Amino acid sequence: MKLSVVIPVCNEEAVIGTTHGTVFGLLSRMVQAGTVDAYEIVYVDDGSKDGTLGILRGLAEASKTVKVLSFSRNYGHQPALAAGILHAAGDAVVSLDADLQDPPELITEMLVKFKEGNDIVYAVRRARNTDTFFKKWTARFFYKLMRFMGVDIIYDHADYRLISRKVIEEFRRFSEVNIFLRGIFPSMGFRYAIVFFDRRARFAGETKYPLRKMLSFAWEGITSFSRKPLRIASATGFGISLVSVMLVGWVFSAWVVGDAIPGWASTLIPLLLIGGLNIFFLGLIGEYIGKIYMEVKRRPLFIVSERYNFGEEAGTTLDVDEGEHKGP
């Protein structure tokens, strides 16, 4: 059995050396113990501006088990994960962030679940004791909102998971550009298991997901996997129509008893209410049209400018042209 560990990185020069030492040592011990027969570490540099790529080049030169993909620019965390998964040659592939907040030691437990017949193993946080109140509240709201909107998502699971070769081959058939992996893999329906862990504090560097990006990520997930916002818009429109009918009755009754300024209520209230809702829902519909626009152009999900230590086996695991990828 060959195990692949995919690690997307972006401006992580402060932590990448420690991360590699931890993961490399763990995988070496797993080979010695007979847990796996071989392994590879696939780093995906997502357009780093610091010295991250130089460090990765050195790691690739030092060991053939280290493979590096470098994007031509920053494409985002989800495309970077997809690129690593699709380039990986292992029978099982684990995706892991570079900040060491998710313990690499959990891979051993994930492999146990994998060998029991599970095609996907999700790593789920046991608690959020290290988070601030605001972070904890927004995270809970994110998962509840996604569930409410009809997105099949694992609660408190980020992108630390193990997937089998069978899952990867099915993943190749997903061609959308607006990619949301936390929703894609649960939607496949494969047998899965969950392992729990306690998240650590970031070893070094800064988070790549401030509040602005978290909100954007949540919106991408909802609009990529759910039509419920459009249905809510339709239901709200119907409700507003009923309210408008009631307002007409109220205005008429006020006119009958002579307790109204002529023309004020009947003009201003419906104008403000319906006008504001029209603008909001036009923006919502425009968001979906924008996604359709991005999909029909069929632009590459990412472009790889450099590859290190990808030999002949890369051609058997990645059916795309050299240097680019046209979607998962």
C-alpha atoms as a PDB file:
ATOM      1  CA  MET A   1       0.000   0.000   0.000  1.00  0.00           C
ATOM      2  CA  LYS A   2       1.228   3.464  -0.896  1.00  0.00           C
ATOM      3  CA  LEU A   3       0.127   6.504   1.093  1.00  0.00           C
ATOM      4  CA  SER A   4       0.114  10.059  -0.256  1.00  0.00           C
ATOM      5  CA  VAL A   5      -0.032  13.127   1.971  1.00  0.00           C
ATOM      6  CA  VAL A   6      -1.124  16.315   0.187  1.00  0.00           C
ATOM      7  CA  ILE A   7      -0.161  19.618   1.805  1.00  0.00           C
ATOM      8  CA  PRO A   8      -1.226  22.933   0.205  1.00  0.00           C
ATOM      9  CA  VAL A   9       1.007  25.844   1.198  1.00  0.00           C
ATOM     10  CA  CYS A  10       0.916  29.605   0.724  1.00  0.00           C
ATOM     11  CA  ASN A  11       3.503  31.878   2.350  1.00  0.00           C
ATOM     12  CA  GLU A  12       4.414  29.280   4.986  1.00  0.00           C
ATOM     13  CA  GLU A  13       8.211  29.674   5.143  1.00  0.00           C
ATOM     14  CA  ALA A  14       8.029  30.094   8.926  1.00  0.00           C
ATOM     15  CA  VAL A  15       6.497  26.662   9.483  1.00  0.00           C
ATOM     16  CA  ILE A  16       7.157  24.474   6.438  1.00  0.00           C
ATOM     17  CA  GLY A  17      10.476  23.082   7.709  1.00  0.00           C
ATOM     18  CA  THR A  18       8.933  21.925  10.988  1.00  0.00           C
ATOM     19  CA  THR A  19       5.868  20.586   9.199  1.00  0.00           C
ATOM     20  CA  HIS A  20       7.967  18.548   6.791  1.00  0.00           C
ATOM     21  CA  GLY A  21      10.146  17.150   9.553  1.00  0.00           C
ATOM     22  CA  THR A  22       7.078  16.067  11.515  1.00  0.00           C
ATOM     23  CA  VAL A  23       5.280  14.461   8.566  1.00  0.00           C
ATOM     24  CA  PHE A  24       8.428  12.907   7.067  1.00  0.00           C
ATOM     25  CA  GLY A  25       9.391  11.357  10.405  1.00  0.00           C
ATOM     26  CA  LEU A  26       5.891  10.000  10.960  1.00  0.00           C
ATOM     27  CA  LEU A  27       5.688   8.384   7.525  1.00  0.00           C
ATOM     28  CA  SER A  28       9.174   6.886   7.867  1.00  0.00           C
ATOM     29  CA  ARG A  29       8.159   5.252  11.144  1.00  0.00           C
ATOM     30  CA  MET A  30       4.978   3.945   9.527  1.00  0.00           C
ATOM     31  CA  VAL A  31       7.031   2.248   6.806  1.00  0.00           C
ATOM     32  CA  GLN A  32       9.336   0.712   9.410  1.00  0.00           C
ATOM     33  CA  ALA A  33       6.326  -0.563  11.347  1.00  0.00           C
ATOM     34  CA  GLY A  34       4.781  -2.055   8.209  1.00  0.00           C
ATOM     35  CA  THR A  35       1.708   0.177   8.366  1.00  0.00           C
ATOM     36  CA  VAL A  36       2.348   1.284   4.771  1.00  0.00           C
ATOM     37  CA  ASP A  37       4.744  -0.010   2.126  1.00  0.00           C
ATOM     38  CA  ALA A  38       5.628   3.326   0.575  1.00  0.00           C
ATOM     39  CA  TYR A  39       4.697   6.983   0.807  1.00  0.00           C
ATOM     40  CA  GLU A  40       4.968  10.346  -0.872  1.00  0.00           C
ATOM     41  CA  ILE A  41       4.459  13.926   0.291  1.00  0.00           C
ATOM     42  CA  VAL A  42       2.873  16.190  -2.322  1.00  0.00           C
ATOM     43  CA  TYR A  43       3.297  19.914  -1.649  1.00  0.00           C
ATOM     44  CA  VAL A  44       1.220  22.381  -3.656  1.00  0.00           C
ATOM     45  CA  ASP A  45       2.598  25.917  -3.598  1.00  0.00           C
ATOM     46  CA  ASP A  46      -0.358  28.236  -4.133  1.00  0.00           C
ATOM     47  CA  GLY A  47       1.509  31.248  -5.472  1.00  0.00           C
ATOM     48  CA  SER A  48       3.639  32.001  -2.401  1.00  0.00           C
ATOM     49  CA  LYS A  49       5.365  35.385  -2.334  1.00  0.00           C
ATOM     50  CA  ASP A  50       7.934  34.538   0.353  1.00  0.00           C
ATOM     51  CA  GLY A  51      10.649  31.875   0.386  1.00  0.00           C
ATOM     52  CA  THR A  52       8.280  28.894   0.609  1.00  0.00           C
ATOM     53  CA  LEU A  53       8.896  27.620  -2.925  1.00  0.00           C
ATOM     54  CA  GLY A  54      12.670  27.751  -2.471  1.00  0.00           C
ATOM     55  CA  ILE A  55      12.385  25.613   0.661  1.00  0.00           C
ATOM     56  CA  LEU A  56      10.152  23.134  -1.171  1.00  0.00           C
ATOM     57  CA  ARG A  57      12.640  22.877  -4.027  1.00  0.00           C
ATOM     58  CA  GLY A  58      15.333  21.972  -1.522  1.00  0.00           C
ATOM     59  CA  LEU A  59      13.133  19.305   0.064  1.00  0.00           C
ATOM     60  CA  ALA A  60      12.397  17.804  -3.362  1.00  0.00           C
ATOM     61  CA  GLU A  61      16.102  17.705  -4.219  1.00  0.00           C
ATOM     62  CA  ALA A  62      16.877  15.975  -0.928  1.00  0.00           C
ATOM     63  CA  SER A  63      14.283  13.206  -1.299  1.00  0.00           C
ATOM     64  CA  LYS A  64      12.405  11.648  -4.206  1.00  0.00           C
ATOM     65  CA  THR A  65       9.478  10.965  -1.870  1.00  0.00           C
ATOM     66  CA  VAL A  66       8.825  14.719  -1.842  1.00  0.00           C
ATOM     67  CA  LYS A  67       6.894  16.051  -4.836  1.00  0.00           C
ATOM     68  CA  VAL A  68       6.157  19.702  -5.478  1.00  0.00           C
ATOM     69  CA  LEU A  69       3.605  21.481  -7.638  1.00  0.00           C
ATOM     70  CA  SER A  70       3.915  25.238  -8.018  1.00  0.00           C
ATOM     71  CA  PHE A  71       1.015  27.318  -9.317  1.00  0.00           C
ATOM     72  CA  SER A  72       1.580  30.213 -11.690  1.00  0.00           C
ATOM     73  CA  ARG A  73      -0.350  32.433  -9.234  1.00  0.00           C
ATOM     74  CA  ASN A  74      -2.575  32.159  -6.189  1.00  0.00           C
ATOM     75  CA  TYR A  75      -5.710  30.160  -7.048  1.00  0.00           C
ATOM     76  CA  GLY A  76      -6.957  29.454  -3.531  1.00  0.00           C
ATOM     77  CA  HIS A  77      -6.961  26.670  -0.970  1.00  0.00           C
ATOM     78  CA  GLN A  78      -9.598  24.462  -2.617  1.00  0.00           C
ATOM     79  CA  PRO A  79      -7.948  24.357  -6.095  1.00  0.00           C
ATOM     80  CA  ALA A  80      -4.611  23.655  -4.389  1.00  0.00           C
ATOM     81  CA  LEU A  81      -6.107  20.694  -2.542  1.00  0.00           C
ATOM     82  CA  ALA A  82      -7.713  19.428  -5.752  1.00  0.00           C
ATOM     83  CA  ALA A  83      -4.408  19.670  -7.624  1.00  0.00           C
ATOM     84  CA  GLY A  84      -2.560  17.692  -4.977  1.00  0.00           C
ATOM     85  CA  ILE A  85      -5.232  15.006  -4.802  1.00  0.00           C
ATOM     86  CA  LEU A  86      -5.327  14.573  -8.577  1.00  0.00           C
ATOM     87  CA  HIS A  87      -1.518  14.369  -8.834  1.00  0.00           C
ATOM     88  CA  ALA A  88      -1.147  11.939  -5.921  1.00  0.00           C
ATOM     89  CA  ALA A  89      -0.275   8.325  -6.754  1.00  0.00           C
ATOM     90  CA  GLY A  90      -1.184   6.652  -3.467  1.00  0.00           C
ATOM     91  CA  ASP A  91      -3.818   4.012  -2.766  1.00  0.00           C
ATOM     92  CA  ALA A  92      -5.004   6.375  -0.040  1.00  0.00           C
ATOM     93  CA  VAL A  93      -4.550  10.146   0.028  1.00  0.00           C
ATOM     94  CA  VAL A  94      -4.574  12.324   3.131  1.00  0.00           C
ATOM     95  CA  SER A  95      -5.014  16.099   2.814  1.00  0.00           C
ATOM     96  CA  LEU A  96      -3.359  18.118   5.575  1.00  0.00           C
ATOM     97  CA  ASP A  97      -2.795  21.827   6.186  1.00  0.00           C
ATOM     98  CA  ALA A  98       0.747  23.062   6.750  1.00  0.00           C
ATOM     99  CA  ASP A  99       0.148  24.950  10.001  1.00  0.00           C
ATOM    100  CA  LEU A 100       0.325  21.818  12.246  1.00  0.00           C
ATOM    101  CA  GLN A 101      -2.976  22.702  13.926  1.00  0.00           C
ATOM    102  CA  ASP A 102      -4.333  19.337  12.803  1.00  0.00           C
ATOM    103  CA  PRO A 103      -2.097  16.623  14.343  1.00  0.00           C
ATOM    104  CA  PRO A 104      -0.373  14.484  11.648  1.00  0.00           C
ATOM    105  CA  GLU A 105      -0.256  11.599  14.157  1.00  0.00           C
ATOM    106  CA  LEU A 106      -3.968  11.109  13.502  1.00  0.00           C
ATOM    107  CA  ILE A 107      -3.084   9.616  10.102  1.00  0.00           C
ATOM    108  CA  THR A 108      -2.339   6.292  11.819  1.00  0.00           C
ATOM    109  CA  GLU A 109      -5.870   6.140  13.215  1.00  0.00           C
ATOM    110  CA  MET A 110      -7.310   7.186   9.862  1.00  0.00           C
ATOM    111  CA  LEU A 111      -5.507   4.300   8.172  1.00  0.00           C
ATOM    112  CA  VAL A 112      -7.058   1.859  10.636  1.00  0.00           C
ATOM    113  CA  LYS A 113     -10.523   3.065   9.600  1.00  0.00           C
ATOM    114  CA  PHE A 114      -9.488   2.905   5.940  1.00  0.00           C
ATOM    115  CA  LYS A 115      -8.362  -0.722   6.251  1.00  0.00           C
ATOM    116  CA  GLU A 116     -11.708  -1.542   7.849  1.00  0.00           C
ATOM    117  CA  GLY A 117     -13.327  -0.774   4.500  1.00  0.00           C
ATOM    118  CA  ASN A 118     -14.109   2.941   4.676  1.00  0.00           C
ATOM    119  CA  ASP A 119     -13.378   4.909   1.507  1.00  0.00           C
ATOM    120  CA  ILE A 120     -13.402   8.280   3.275  1.00  0.00           C
ATOM    121  CA  VAL A 121     -12.231   9.084   6.787  1.00  0.00           C
ATOM    122  CA  TYR A 122     -13.096  12.538   8.129  1.00  0.00           C
ATOM    123  CA  ALA A 123     -11.096  14.154  10.920  1.00  0.00           C
ATOM    124  CA  VAL A 124     -13.519  16.081  13.123  1.00  0.00           C
ATOM    125  CA  ARG A 125     -12.704  18.473  15.952  1.00  0.00           C
ATOM    126  CA  ARG A 126     -13.694  17.146  19.348  1.00  0.00           C
ATOM    127  CA  ALA A 127     -14.165  20.633  20.828  1.00  0.00           C
ATOM    128  CA  ARG A 128     -13.404  24.302  20.142  1.00  0.00           C
ATOM    129  CA  ASN A 129     -11.791  25.205  23.442  1.00  0.00           C
ATOM    130  CA  THR A 130      -8.921  27.074  21.776  1.00  0.00           C
ATOM    131  CA  ASP A 131     -11.202  29.333  19.730  1.00  0.00           C
ATOM    132  CA  THR A 132     -12.351  32.776  20.736  1.00  0.00           C
ATOM    133  CA  PHE A 133     -16.033  33.262  21.442  1.00  0.00           C
ATOM    134  CA  PHE A 134     -16.499  35.026  18.100  1.00  0.00           C
ATOM    135  CA  LYS A 135     -14.660  32.301  16.159  1.00  0.00           C
ATOM    136  CA  LYS A 136     -16.629  29.564  17.925  1.00  0.00           C
ATOM    137  CA  TRP A 137     -19.968  31.294  17.278  1.00  0.00           C
ATOM    138  CA  THR A 138     -19.277  32.008  13.609  1.00  0.00           C
ATOM    139  CA  ALA A 139     -18.057  28.432  13.025  1.00  0.00           C
ATOM    140  CA  ARG A 140     -21.199  26.956  14.525  1.00  0.00           C
ATOM    141  CA  PHE A 141     -23.333  29.366  12.535  1.00  0.00           C
ATOM    142  CA  PHE A 142     -21.461  28.357   9.347  1.00  0.00           C
ATOM    143  CA  TYR A 143     -22.186  24.641   9.734  1.00  0.00           C
ATOM    144  CA  LYS A 144     -25.804  25.164  10.796  1.00  0.00           C
ATOM    145  CA  LEU A 145     -26.377  27.539   7.897  1.00  0.00           C
ATOM    146  CA  MET A 146     -24.874  25.072   5.422  1.00  0.00           C
ATOM    147  CA  ARG A 147     -27.093  22.279   6.742  1.00  0.00           C
ATOM    148  CA  PHE A 148     -30.148  24.545   6.618  1.00  0.00           C
ATOM    149  CA  MET A 149     -29.363  25.435   3.013  1.00  0.00           C
ATOM    150  CA  GLY A 150     -29.271  21.752   2.085  1.00  0.00           C
ATOM    151  CA  VAL A 151     -25.509  21.263   1.788  1.00  0.00           C
ATOM    152  CA  ASP A 152     -24.364  17.782   2.835  1.00  0.00           C
ATOM    153  CA  ILE A 153     -21.469  18.666   5.135  1.00  0.00           C
ATOM    154  CA  ILE A 154     -19.738  17.018   8.096  1.00  0.00           C
ATOM    155  CA  TYR A 155     -20.112  19.167  11.208  1.00  0.00           C
ATOM    156  CA  ASP A 156     -16.788  20.574  12.528  1.00  0.00           C
ATOM    157  CA  HIS A 157     -14.815  18.951   9.703  1.00  0.00           C
ATOM    158  CA  ALA A 158     -12.486  21.156   7.663  1.00  0.00           C
ATOM    159  CA  ASP A 159     -10.239  19.592   4.999  1.00  0.00           C
ATOM    160  CA  TYR A 160      -8.302  17.029   7.037  1.00  0.00           C
ATOM    161  CA  ARG A 161      -9.450  13.739   5.528  1.00  0.00           C
ATOM    162  CA  LEU A 162      -8.354  10.458   3.971  1.00  0.00           C
ATOM    163  CA  ILE A 163      -9.831   9.312   0.664  1.00  0.00           C
ATOM    164  CA  SER A 164      -9.319   6.098  -1.270  1.00  0.00           C
ATOM    165  CA  ARG A 165      -8.200   5.686  -4.867  1.00  0.00           C
ATOM    166  CA  LYS A 166     -11.785   4.754  -5.759  1.00  0.00           C
ATOM    167  CA  VAL A 167     -13.014   8.121  -4.476  1.00  0.00           C
ATOM    168  CA  ILE A 168     -10.297   9.981  -6.386  1.00  0.00           C
ATOM    169  CA  GLU A 169     -11.234   8.325  -9.669  1.00  0.00           C
ATOM    170  CA  GLU A 170     -14.854   9.380  -9.155  1.00  0.00           C
ATOM    171  CA  PHE A 171     -13.704  12.860  -8.154  1.00  0.00           C
ATOM    172  CA  ARG A 172     -12.168  13.277 -11.626  1.00  0.00           C
ATOM    173  CA  ARG A 173     -15.681  13.294 -13.062  1.00  0.00           C
ATOM    174  CA  PHE A 174     -16.586  16.472 -11.156  1.00  0.00           C
ATOM    175  CA  SER A 175     -15.959  19.272 -13.612  1.00  0.00           C
ATOM    176  CA  GLU A 176     -17.160  22.406 -11.812  1.00  0.00           C
ATOM    177  CA  VAL A 177     -14.887  25.411 -11.452  1.00  0.00           C
ATOM    178  CA  ASN A 178     -16.647  26.677  -8.311  1.00  0.00           C
ATOM    179  CA  ILE A 179     -15.199  23.892  -6.209  1.00  0.00           C
ATOM    180  CA  PHE A 180     -16.173  23.175  -2.592  1.00  0.00           C
ATOM    181  CA  LEU A 181     -14.519  19.963  -1.401  1.00  0.00           C
ATOM    182  CA  ARG A 182     -16.256  19.888   1.986  1.00  0.00           C
ATOM    183  CA  GLY A 183     -19.518  19.414   0.121  1.00  0.00           C
ATOM    184  CA  ILE A 184     -18.295  17.282  -2.792  1.00  0.00           C
ATOM    185  CA  PHE A 185     -16.915  14.310  -0.855  1.00  0.00           C
ATOM    186  CA  PRO A 186     -19.924  13.821   1.478  1.00  0.00           C
ATOM    187  CA  SER A 187     -22.231  14.083  -1.554  1.00  0.00           C
ATOM    188  CA  MET A 188     -20.543  11.083  -3.200  1.00  0.00           C
ATOM    189  CA  GLY A 189     -22.169   8.667  -0.786  1.00  0.00           C
ATOM    190  CA  PHE A 190     -19.173   6.384  -0.176  1.00  0.00           C
ATOM    191  CA  ARG A 191     -18.833   4.542   3.110  1.00  0.00           C
ATOM    192  CA  TYR A 192     -17.096   6.781   5.621  1.00  0.00           C
ATOM    193  CA  ALA A 193     -15.857   6.931   9.185  1.00  0.00           C
ATOM    194  CA  ILE A 194     -15.041   9.768  11.573  1.00  0.00           C
ATOM    195  CA  VAL A 195     -12.049  10.186  13.877  1.00  0.00           C
ATOM    196  CA  PHE A 196     -11.918  12.927  16.491  1.00  0.00           C
ATOM    197  CA  PHE A 197      -9.039  15.167  17.513  1.00  0.00           C
ATOM    198  CA  ASP A 198      -8.214  18.310  19.460  1.00  0.00           C
ATOM    199  CA  ARG A 199      -6.905  21.165  17.337  1.00  0.00           C
ATOM    200  CA  ARG A 200      -3.668  22.777  18.404  1.00  0.00           C
ATOM    201  CA  ALA A 201      -2.608  26.395  18.245  1.00  0.00           C
ATOM    202  CA  ARG A 202      -0.884  27.465  15.010  1.00  0.00           C
ATOM    203  CA  PHE A 203       2.845  26.671  15.265  1.00  0.00           C
ATOM    204  CA  ALA A 204       3.997  29.784  13.385  1.00  0.00           C
ATOM    205  CA  GLY A 205       2.893  32.242  10.730  1.00  0.00           C
ATOM    206  CA  GLU A 206      -0.531  33.796  10.267  1.00  0.00           C
ATOM    207  CA  THR A 207      -3.921  32.339   9.416  1.00  0.00           C
ATOM    208  CA  LYS A 208      -4.854  32.389   5.730  1.00  0.00           C
ATOM    209  CA  TYR A 209      -8.575  32.537   6.547  1.00  0.00           C
ATOM    210  CA  PRO A 210      -9.521  35.896   8.100  1.00  0.00           C
ATOM    211  CA  LEU A 211     -13.191  36.740   8.576  1.00  0.00           C
ATOM    212  CA  ARG A 212     -13.570  38.160   5.065  1.00  0.00           C
ATOM    213  CA  LYS A 213     -12.330  34.942   3.450  1.00  0.00           C
ATOM    214  CA  MET A 214     -14.391  32.789   5.800  1.00  0.00           C
ATOM    215  CA  LEU A 215     -17.568  34.608   4.774  1.00  0.00           C
ATOM    216  CA  SER A 216     -16.636  34.333   1.101  1.00  0.00           C
ATOM    217  CA  PHE A 217     -15.890  30.613   1.551  1.00  0.00           C
ATOM    218  CA  ALA A 218     -19.272  30.027   3.189  1.00  0.00           C
ATOM    219  CA  TRP A 219     -21.099  31.868   0.410  1.00  0.00           C
ATOM    220  CA  GLU A 220     -19.226  29.868  -2.239  1.00  0.00           C
ATOM    221  CA  GLY A 221     -20.213  26.635  -0.547  1.00  0.00           C
ATOM    222  CA  ILE A 222     -23.881  27.569  -0.290  1.00  0.00           C
ATOM    223  CA  THR A 223     -24.266  28.837  -3.863  1.00  0.00           C
ATOM    224  CA  SER A 224     -22.255  25.929  -5.296  1.00  0.00           C
ATOM    225  CA  PHE A 225     -24.317  23.222  -3.629  1.00  0.00           C
ATOM    226  CA  SER A 226     -27.774  24.576  -2.925  1.00  0.00           C
ATOM    227  CA  ARG A 227     -30.700  26.136  -4.778  1.00  0.00           C
ATOM    228  CA  LYS A 228     -32.397  26.878  -1.498  1.00  0.00           C
ATOM    229  CA  PRO A 229     -31.541  30.620  -1.532  1.00  0.00           C
ATOM    230  CA  LEU A 230     -33.489  30.915  -4.790  1.00  0.00           C
ATOM    231  CA  ARG A 231     -36.400  29.028  -3.288  1.00  0.00           C
ATOM    232  CA  ILE A 232     -36.278  31.298  -0.241  1.00  0.00           C
ATOM    233  CA  ALA A 233     -36.414  34.260  -2.627  1.00  0.00           C
ATOM    234  CA  SER A 234     -39.510  32.797  -4.303  1.00  0.00           C
ATOM    235  CA  ALA A 235     -41.206  32.107  -0.962  1.00  0.00           C
ATOM    236  CA  THR A 236     -40.344  35.591   0.273  1.00  0.00           C
ATOM    237  CA  GLY A 237     -41.765  37.109  -2.898  1.00  0.00           C
ATOM    238  CA  PHE A 238     -44.982  35.197  -2.352  1.00  0.00           C
ATOM    239  CA  GLY A 239     -45.101  36.378   1.257  1.00  0.00           C
ATOM    240  CA  ILE A 240     -44.515  39.973   0.214  1.00  0.00           C
ATOM    241  CA  SER A 241     -47.401  39.670  -2.235  1.00  0.00           C
ATOM    242  CA  LEU A 242     -49.678  38.626   0.609  1.00  0.00           C
ATOM    243  CA  VAL A 243     -48.427  41.492   2.774  1.00  0.00           C
ATOM    244  CA  SER A 244     -49.021  43.893  -0.102  1.00  0.00           C
ATOM    245  CA  VAL A 245     -52.622  42.718  -0.362  1.00  0.00           C
ATOM    246  CA  MET A 246     -53.021  43.286   3.369  1.00  0.00           C
ATOM    247  CA  LEU A 247     -51.498  46.773   3.037  1.00  0.00           C
ATOM    248  CA  VAL A 248     -53.987  47.577   0.306  1.00  0.00           C
ATOM    249  CA  GLY A 249     -56.784  46.614   2.684  1.00  0.00           C
ATOM    250  CA  TRP A 250     -55.288  48.743   5.462  1.00  0.00           C
ATOM    251  CA  VAL A 251     -54.871  51.772   3.195  1.00  0.00           C
ATOM    252  CA  PHE A 252     -58.425  51.375   1.940  1.00  0.00           C
ATOM    253  CA  SER A 253     -59.833  51.162   5.466  1.00  0.00           C
ATOM    254  CA  ALA A 254     -57.818  54.245   6.524  1.00  0.00           C
ATOM    255  CA  TRP A 255     -59.195  56.105   3.509  1.00  0.00           C
ATOM    256  CA  VAL A 256     -62.772  55.137   4.413  1.00  0.00           C
ATOM    257  CA  VAL A 257     -62.500  56.513   7.952  1.00  0.00           C
ATOM    258  CA  GLY A 258     -60.615  59.580   6.701  1.00  0.00           C
ATOM    259  CA  ASP A 259     -57.511  58.941   8.829  1.00  0.00           C
ATOM    260  CA  ALA A 260     -54.783  59.036   6.174  1.00  0.00           C
ATOM    261  CA  ILE A 261     -52.710  61.496   4.182  1.00  0.00           C
ATOM    262  CA  PRO A 262     -53.887  60.988   0.605  1.00  0.00           C
ATOM    263  CA  GLY A 263     -51.446  58.899  -1.423  1.00  0.00           C
ATOM    264  CA  TRP A 264     -48.705  58.623   1.213  1.00  0.00           C
ATOM    265  CA  ALA A 265     -49.109  55.118   2.613  1.00  0.00           C
ATOM    266  CA  SER A 266     -50.319  53.553  -0.609  1.00  0.00           C
ATOM    267  CA  THR A 267     -47.217  54.825  -2.437  1.00  0.00           C
ATOM    268  CA  LEU A 268     -44.337  54.895   0.011  1.00  0.00           C
ATOM    269  CA  ILE A 269     -44.694  51.594   1.875  1.00  0.00           C
ATOM    270  CA  PRO A 270     -44.993  49.264  -1.137  1.00  0.00           C
ATOM    271  CA  LEU A 271     -42.328  51.248  -3.010  1.00  0.00           C
ATOM    272  CA  LEU A 272     -39.699  50.928  -0.282  1.00  0.00           C
ATOM    273  CA  LEU A 273     -40.508  47.335   0.614  1.00  0.00           C
ATOM    274  CA  ILE A 274     -40.818  45.824  -2.826  1.00  0.00           C
ATOM    275  CA  GLY A 275     -38.060  47.997  -4.308  1.00  0.00           C
ATOM    276  CA  GLY A 276     -35.543  46.920  -1.672  1.00  0.00           C
ATOM    277  CA  LEU A 277     -36.452  43.258  -2.034  1.00  0.00           C
ATOM    278  CA  ASN A 278     -36.194  43.462  -5.826  1.00  0.00           C
ATOM    279  CA  ILE A 279     -32.659  44.801  -5.606  1.00  0.00           C
ATOM    280  CA  PHE A 280     -31.649  42.119  -3.087  1.00  0.00           C
ATOM    281  CA  PHE A 281     -33.091  39.211  -5.037  1.00  0.00           C
ATOM    282  CA  LEU A 282     -31.744  40.484  -8.340  1.00  0.00           C
ATOM    283  CA  GLY A 283     -28.307  40.402  -6.718  1.00  0.00           C
ATOM    284  CA  LEU A 284     -28.937  36.854  -5.497  1.00  0.00           C
ATOM    285  CA  ILE A 285     -30.007  35.687  -8.966  1.00  0.00           C
ATOM    286  CA  GLY A 286     -27.002  37.510 -10.405  1.00  0.00           C
ATOM    287  CA  GLU A 287     -24.709  35.505  -8.128  1.00  0.00           C
ATOM    288  CA  TYR A 288     -25.986  32.256  -9.614  1.00  0.00           C
ATOM    289  CA  ILE A 289     -25.785  33.638 -13.144  1.00  0.00           C
ATOM    290  CA  GLY A 290     -22.197  34.629 -12.411  1.00  0.00           C
ATOM    291  CA  LYS A 291     -21.422  31.052 -11.408  1.00  0.00           C
ATOM    292  CA  ILE A 292     -22.970  29.782 -14.629  1.00  0.00           C
ATOM    293  CA  TYR A 293     -20.807  32.281 -16.513  1.00  0.00           C
ATOM    294  CA  MET A 294     -17.656  30.954 -14.820  1.00  0.00           C
ATOM    295  CA  GLU A 295     -18.619  27.332 -15.494  1.00  0.00           C
ATOM    296  CA  VAL A 296     -19.460  27.658 -19.198  1.00  0.00           C
ATOM    297  CA  LYS A 297     -16.127  29.347 -19.953  1.00  0.00           C
ATOM    298  CA  ARG A 298     -14.385  26.101 -18.888  1.00  0.00           C
ATOM    299  CA  ARG A 299     -11.220  27.883 -17.811  1.00  0.00           C
ATOM    300  CA  PRO A 300      -8.584  25.817 -15.965  1.00  0.00           C
ATOM    301  CA  LEU A 301      -9.145  25.383 -12.255  1.00  0.00           C
ATOM    302  CA  PHE A 302      -5.428  25.994 -11.826  1.00  0.00           C
ATOM    303  CA  ILE A 303      -2.222  26.283 -13.866  1.00  0.00           C
ATOM    304  CA  VAL A 304       0.946  24.518 -12.752  1.00  0.00           C
ATOM    305  CA  SER A 305       4.130  26.380 -13.628  1.00  0.00           C
ATOM    306  CA  GLU A 306       6.659  23.977 -12.038  1.00  0.00           C
ATOM    307  CA  ARG A 307       6.693  20.309 -11.079  1.00  0.00           C
ATOM    308  CA  TYR A 308       9.357  18.450  -9.137  1.00  0.00           C
ATOM    309  CA  ASN A 309       9.855  14.671  -8.785  1.00  0.00           C
ATOM    310  CA  PHE A 310       6.828  13.702 -10.846  1.00  0.00           C
ATOM    311  CA  GLY A 311       8.110  10.841 -12.982  1.00  0.00           C
ATOM    312  CA  GLU A 312       6.391   8.414 -15.328  1.00  0.00           C
ATOM    313  CA  GLU A 313       3.761   7.463 -12.752  1.00  0.00           C
ATOM    314  CA  ALA A 314       2.332  10.985 -12.919  1.00  0.00           C
ATOM    315  CA  GLY A 315       0.927  10.193 -16.356  1.00  0.00           C
ATOM    316  CA  THR A 316      -1.052   7.263 -14.974  1.00  0.00           C
ATOM    317  CA  THR A 317      -2.654   9.269 -12.187  1.00  0.00           C
ATOM    318  CA  LEU A 318      -3.335  12.569 -13.914  1.00  0.00           C
ATOM    319  CA  ASP A 319      -5.054  12.548 -17.282  1.00  0.00           C
ATOM    320  CA  VAL A 320      -4.438  16.190 -18.179  1.00  0.00           C
ATOM    321  CA  ASP A 321      -2.032  18.159 -20.314  1.00  0.00           C
ATOM    322  CA  GLU A 322       1.319  19.223 -18.941  1.00  0.00           C
ATOM    323  CA  GLY A 323       1.080  22.491 -17.027  1.00  0.00           C
ATOM    324  CA  GLU A 324      -2.657  22.868 -16.674  1.00  0.00           C
ATOM    325  CA  HIS A 325      -5.806  21.266 -15.399  1.00  0.00           C
ATOM    326  CA  LYS A 326      -9.275  21.890 -16.783  1.00  0.00           C
ATOM    327  CA  GLY A 327     -11.263  20.995 -13.660  1.00  0.00           C
ATOM    328  CA  PRO A 328     -11.292  18.015 -11.286  1.00  0.00           C
END
